[in-house]
């Protein structure tokens, strides 16, 4: 029997619904033999997720508080109760085929735990298991127990999805929004809290890649670099209201509404691409401002998945200027933010537009 291989896929920030889509695409590609086992490593924005055994009462935030904070709730098919994902937390989604020699659910969960334990030990953190509770813990059972990593998995025909969430530099106050995993008598912690300072997330990712390869007795395979793209949200002020420019693609290009977007060409920097795309798609050359927002997603339904990493920018539209859309678009519209968000089909474009309107108010 040939030795397993694992391909680590470093994604950075991924919107939660895009993460679900990525798991589904990698799962289909794995089933069809188009990719090997993949370990997706990423961060999510602040979200609350519900496992199959979740109790809604374990969400502390009211609907009004969630709306004010912009925190979404997602029901999932993973095991477990309520959990939180957010910046500074390293989320891992192993998409593994456990056939033919690892067809044991308990062994799989133990192996995920063991991979986390070994990685933490490498940073000088002594963690372990508590038999009556899932996850990885610092301290013994009782009031001193602190969960540092949550585990919730799903298996279908011995193919895995979902996985683990390791608190690296996580804002632990966000766990006050929930009763983590429904456990009231224990706390949560992070690597930063245990070590007394922040740890570069990339170092933790590299450690986990090594320990997963050790525990699952696998070789590491290289992953393809993602396509680099930009999005530019153009904002104007008219009669005291800020509006976002949307462009409608031609039917041959999907027909959906979007902000200005484009691919980073070889030798270009993202800011240069943003200015070029603005000129080609609106007719004007404008200054662009980075929005400190970069995220990854899969382009369409292509198999194997075509990964994209997109950087968002903002541009202010000069008063009295006309828009001259390029040949890729059939129409344009200036819309208030709330209406623009209903037309934009992808979470990343919505987030870029939201940040641009906030930036334009400064």
Foldseek 3Di string as FASTA:
>chain_A
DDFAAEEEDEWEEAEVVLQVVLLVLQLVLCVVVVDAKYKYKYAYAKEKEAEPPEDPVQFQDDPVRCVVVVYYYYYDHWDFYMAITHPQKIWIWIFHQCPDPRPDVVLVQVLLQQLLQQLLVVVVAHWADDVVDGAIWGDYPFAATAHQKHFIWDADNRTITGTMIGRQPDPQVVSVRGCHRVDDGYHHDHNCVVVVHHDPVVSSSVSSVVSSCVSSVHHYDYDDDAWEKEFEWEWEADPNAIWTKWFAFDVVVPRAIFGQMDTADPPDDRQVVVQVSCCQAFVDRFHKAWLPDKGKGFDPSDPVTRIYIYTYIYTYDDPPDGGDGHPRTDDMDIGGLVVVLVRDPDPSRNVSNVSRVVVVVD
